[in-house]
Amino acid sequence: MLEVLKYTLPSLIVLLATWLVLYKIFKNEDKKRMWEVKKTTQKEINAVRLRAYERMTLVLERTQPEHMLLEIQNLSTMSVMDVQKHLLRTIRLEFDHNMSQQIYVSEELWERFIQARDEMGAFVNTMAIQLPEGSSSLDYAKTLTAAYTMNGDTPNALALAALKEEVRGLW
């Protein structure tokens, strides 16, 4: 019995040591592999996120009054209400078309983005209501752009600033 223990005990110790070494090697290899996968995936995700930020920037630029008004072809022949409806429709369509971008940005940025949409719609409505009776669509356009440019902290500018801050955080 003692003779058997002399041979089996060292064999078991060597087996255990070998198992521990191999376990650690495999574990380290697995960590390296996961890190490489994560690194590759992160590059792809960052590229997609940057495209989402670009699209959101375009929406914020396209929904500024001066840009939206330039897109209206028959501005002088339209009524104030028609221009107002066109602007609100443009805002809604631009934002609705980019709803999927919310999965790529932070919750805070998305809330700021939606807030910009809501405030821009309210601004368009408020400017239309404040016009005197009988005002033309050109008067509305001038009032809208003047009031928007005078307001330094516009909803779109605030959302764009938050967007730029989040993008800087990626680097």
Protein backbone atom coordinates (compact mmCIF):
# COMPACT_ATOMS: atom_id res chain seq x y z
CA MET A 1 0.00 0.00 0.00
CA LEU A 2 2.80 2.35 0.89
CA GLU A 3 4.50 1.44 -2.35
CA VAL A 4 1.39 2.42 -4.33
CA LEU A 5 1.16 5.77 -2.54
CA LYS A 6 4.79 6.54 -3.39
CA TYR A 7 3.90 6.43 -7.09
CA THR A 8 0.33 7.71 -7.11
CA LEU A 9 0.72 10.73 -4.86
CA PRO A 10 3.43 12.40 -6.99
CA SER A 11 1.48 11.51 -10.10
CA LEU A 12 -1.65 13.14 -8.68
CA ILE A 13 0.32 16.25 -7.69
CA VAL A 14 1.81 16.50 -11.20
CA LEU A 15 -1.65 15.95 -12.71
CA LEU A 16 -3.17 18.66 -10.51
CA ALA A 17 -0.36 21.11 -11.30
CA THR A 18 -0.72 20.42 -15.01
CA TRP A 19 -4.47 20.91 -14.82
CA LEU A 20 -4.04 24.25 -12.98
CA VAL A 21 -1.48 25.52 -15.51
CA LEU A 22 -3.64 24.49 -18.46
CA TYR A 23 -6.74 25.98 -16.83
CA LYS A 24 -4.99 29.34 -16.40
CA ILE A 25 -3.64 29.26 -19.95
CA PHE A 26 -7.08 28.52 -21.40
CA LYS A 27 -8.69 31.13 -19.21
CA ASN A 28 -6.17 33.78 -20.35
CA GLU A 29 -6.68 32.79 -23.99
CA ASP A 30 -10.42 33.09 -23.54
CA LYS A 31 -10.01 36.56 -22.02
CA LYS A 32 -7.79 37.62 -24.91
CA ARG A 33 -10.29 36.30 -27.45
CA MET A 34 -13.17 38.10 -25.73
CA TRP A 35 -11.14 41.31 -25.61
CA GLU A 36 -10.43 41.07 -29.36
CA VAL A 37 -14.11 40.45 -30.11
CA LYS A 38 -15.09 43.37 -27.91
CA LYS A 39 -12.50 45.61 -29.54
CA THR A 40 -13.70 44.74 -33.04
CA THR A 41 -17.34 45.10 -32.06
CA GLN A 42 -16.69 48.44 -30.38
CA LYS A 43 -15.12 49.80 -33.58
CA GLU A 44 -18.21 48.80 -35.55
CA ILE A 45 -20.57 50.18 -32.92
CA ASN A 46 -18.70 53.48 -32.77
CA ALA A 47 -18.96 53.81 -36.55
CA VAL A 48 -22.71 53.24 -36.40
CA ARG A 49 -23.06 55.65 -33.48
CA LEU A 50 -21.15 58.34 -35.36
CA ARG A 51 -23.51 57.95 -38.31
CA ALA A 52 -26.43 58.32 -35.90
CA TYR A 53 -24.91 61.53 -34.51
CA GLU A 54 -24.44 62.80 -38.06
CA ARG A 55 -28.07 62.10 -38.90
CA MET A 56 -29.26 63.81 -35.75
CA THR A 57 -27.11 66.83 -36.61
CA LEU A 58 -28.72 66.99 -40.03
CA VAL A 59 -32.19 66.87 -38.49
CA LEU A 60 -31.34 69.72 -36.13
CA GLU A 61 -29.96 71.77 -39.02
CA ARG A 62 -32.86 70.98 -41.36
CA THR A 63 -35.47 71.96 -38.80
CA GLN A 64 -34.18 75.48 -38.27
CA PRO A 65 -36.72 77.98 -39.61
CA GLU A 66 -34.46 79.51 -42.26
CA HIS A 67 -33.69 76.08 -43.72
CA MET A 68 -37.29 74.92 -43.67
CA LEU A 69 -38.53 78.16 -45.24
CA LEU A 70 -36.03 77.87 -48.09
CA GLU A 71 -37.55 74.52 -49.00
CA ILE A 72 -41.02 76.01 -49.50
CA GLN A 73 -41.37 76.75 -53.21
CA ASN A 74 -44.53 78.89 -53.28
CA LEU A 75 -44.04 80.77 -50.03
CA SER A 76 -45.43 84.08 -51.30
CA THR A 77 -48.68 82.50 -52.52
CA MET A 78 -49.36 80.50 -49.37
CA SER A 79 -51.33 81.59 -46.34
CA VAL A 80 -49.71 81.89 -42.92
CA MET A 81 -51.64 78.82 -41.79
CA ASP A 82 -50.42 76.81 -44.78
CA VAL A 83 -46.80 77.78 -44.06
CA GLN A 84 -47.29 76.94 -40.39
CA LYS A 85 -48.71 73.51 -41.30
CA HIS A 86 -45.87 72.91 -43.74
CA LEU A 87 -43.26 73.77 -41.12
CA LEU A 88 -44.88 71.56 -38.47
CA ARG A 89 -45.14 68.73 -40.98
CA THR A 90 -41.47 69.13 -41.91
CA ILE A 91 -40.43 69.06 -38.25
CA ARG A 92 -42.54 65.98 -37.57
CA LEU A 93 -41.30 64.13 -40.66
CA GLU A 94 -37.64 64.92 -40.05
CA PHE A 95 -37.79 63.73 -36.47
CA ASP A 96 -40.02 60.73 -37.16
CA HIS A 97 -37.73 59.61 -39.97
CA ASN A 98 -34.85 59.47 -37.48
CA MET A 99 -36.56 57.82 -34.51
CA SER A 100 -34.36 54.76 -34.82
CA GLN A 101 -31.29 56.81 -33.87
CA GLN A 102 -32.38 56.73 -30.23
CA ILE A 103 -30.86 53.29 -29.74
CA TYR A 104 -27.39 54.67 -30.47
CA VAL A 105 -27.39 57.70 -28.18
CA SER A 106 -27.76 58.32 -24.47
CA GLU A 107 -31.17 58.76 -22.90
CA GLU A 108 -30.31 62.36 -21.95
CA LEU A 109 -29.37 63.26 -25.52
CA TRP A 110 -32.49 61.65 -26.91
CA GLU A 111 -34.65 63.58 -24.44
CA ARG A 112 -32.89 66.81 -25.50
CA PHE A 113 -33.52 65.87 -29.13
CA ILE A 114 -37.25 65.33 -28.51
CA GLN A 115 -37.37 68.52 -26.46
CA ALA A 116 -35.91 70.41 -29.43
CA ARG A 117 -38.64 68.97 -31.66
CA ASP A 118 -41.39 69.93 -29.25
CA GLU A 119 -40.03 73.41 -28.60
CA MET A 120 -39.52 74.06 -32.31
CA GLY A 121 -43.14 73.10 -32.98
CA ALA A 122 -44.31 75.35 -30.16
CA PHE A 123 -42.14 78.18 -31.52
CA VAL A 124 -43.65 77.84 -35.01
CA ASN A 125 -47.15 77.90 -33.51
CA THR A 126 -46.43 80.83 -31.17
CA MET A 127 -45.00 82.98 -33.96
CA ALA A 128 -48.05 82.29 -36.14
CA ILE A 129 -50.45 83.20 -33.33
CA GLN A 130 -48.61 86.43 -32.53
CA LEU A 131 -48.90 87.77 -36.08
CA PRO A 132 -51.47 90.52 -36.63
CA GLU A 133 -54.58 89.67 -38.64
CA GLY A 134 -54.05 89.81 -42.38
CA SER A 135 -50.29 89.22 -42.26
CA SER A 136 -48.76 87.56 -45.28
CA SER A 137 -46.73 84.40 -45.31
CA LEU A 138 -43.65 86.51 -46.10
CA ASP A 139 -44.30 88.52 -42.92
CA TYR A 140 -44.56 85.26 -41.03
CA ALA A 141 -41.31 83.99 -42.53
CA LYS A 142 -39.48 87.22 -41.64
CA THR A 143 -40.88 87.24 -38.10
CA LEU A 144 -40.03 83.59 -37.62
CA THR A 145 -36.43 83.86 -38.78
CA ALA A 146 -35.82 87.13 -36.93
CA ALA A 147 -37.19 85.78 -33.64
CA TYR A 148 -35.25 82.55 -34.06
CA THR A 149 -31.92 84.24 -34.75
CA MET A 150 -32.38 86.66 -31.84
CA ASN A 151 -32.88 83.79 -29.42
CA GLY A 152 -29.30 82.66 -28.74
CA ASP A 153 -30.23 79.48 -26.89
CA THR A 154 -32.51 77.93 -29.48
CA PRO A 155 -33.81 74.42 -28.87
CA ASN A 156 -31.84 73.09 -31.82
CA ALA A 157 -28.64 74.83 -30.70
CA LEU A 158 -28.96 73.35 -27.20
CA ALA A 159 -29.60 69.88 -28.58
CA LEU A 160 -26.67 70.25 -30.97
CA ALA A 161 -24.39 71.32 -28.11
CA ALA A 162 -25.45 68.25 -26.10
CA LEU A 163 -24.86 66.07 -29.15
CA LYS A 164 -21.35 67.46 -29.67
CA GLU A 165 -20.56 66.95 -25.99
CA GLU A 166 -21.60 63.31 -26.18
CA VAL A 167 -19.54 62.75 -29.32
CA ARG A 168 -16.49 64.25 -27.58
CA GLY A 169 -17.05 61.69 -24.84
CA LEU A 170 -16.49 58.88 -27.34
CA TRP A 171 -12.87 59.83 -27.77
